Amino acid sequence: MSWVVRLAYGSIFLLLLAVTLGVGYITFVDWRDRRRRQEAERQARRSKRR
């Protein structure tokens, strides 16, 4: 296998890893923000009742 092919496979692997980690990060941040928003809504509803 030539060094060009190895370089291409290595680059493809790194790009796939970067995209996977990026999607995971975006998913985690969205989940965290949604949880914060829901908690803020719950607290707002509680304060309106009192």
Protein backbone atom coordinates (compact mmCIF):
# COMPACT_ATOMS: atom_id res chain seq x y z
CA MET A 1 0.00 0.00 0.00
CA SER A 2 1.48 3.34 -0.94
CA TRP A 3 1.86 6.25 1.43
CA VAL A 4 -0.76 8.22 -0.52
CA VAL A 5 -3.40 5.59 0.15
CA ARG A 6 -2.41 5.42 3.83
CA LEU A 7 -2.63 9.20 4.05
CA ALA A 8 -6.05 9.16 2.37
CA TYR A 9 -7.38 6.48 4.74
CA GLY A 10 -5.94 8.31 7.74
CA SER A 11 -7.53 11.57 6.63
CA ILE A 12 -10.89 9.89 6.05
CA PHE A 13 -10.71 8.32 9.50
CA LEU A 14 -9.86 11.64 11.17
CA LEU A 15 -12.66 13.44 9.33
CA LEU A 16 -15.16 10.75 10.32
CA LEU A 17 -13.98 10.98 13.92
CA ALA A 18 -14.27 14.79 13.91
CA VAL A 19 -17.79 14.69 12.45
CA THR A 20 -18.87 12.02 14.95
CA LEU A 21 -17.51 13.98 17.89
CA GLY A 22 -19.12 17.17 16.57
CA VAL A 23 -22.53 15.54 16.27
CA GLY A 24 -22.15 14.08 19.76
CA TYR A 25 -21.23 17.49 21.17
CA ILE A 26 -24.14 19.24 19.47
CA THR A 27 -26.53 16.53 20.72
CA PHE A 28 -25.22 16.88 24.28
CA VAL A 29 -25.48 20.68 24.26
CA ASP A 30 -29.03 20.52 22.86
CA TRP A 31 -30.04 18.01 25.54
CA ARG A 32 -28.50 20.16 28.28
CA ASP A 33 -30.17 23.35 27.03
CA ARG A 34 -33.55 21.64 26.67
CA ARG A 35 -33.27 20.41 30.26
CA ARG A 36 -32.42 23.93 31.50
CA ARG A 37 -35.33 25.43 29.56
CA GLN A 38 -37.79 22.89 30.96
CA GLU A 39 -36.55 23.51 34.49
CA ALA A 40 -36.92 27.28 34.02
CA GLU A 41 -40.48 26.76 32.75
CA ARG A 42 -41.29 24.59 35.76
CA GLN A 43 -39.98 27.23 38.15
CA ALA A 44 -41.91 29.96 36.33
CA ARG A 45 -45.12 27.93 36.64
CA ARG A 46 -44.45 27.33 40.34
CA SER A 47 -43.90 31.02 41.02
CA LYS A 48 -47.14 31.95 39.22
CA ARG A 49 -49.14 29.58 41.42
CA ARG A 50 -47.96 31.27 44.62
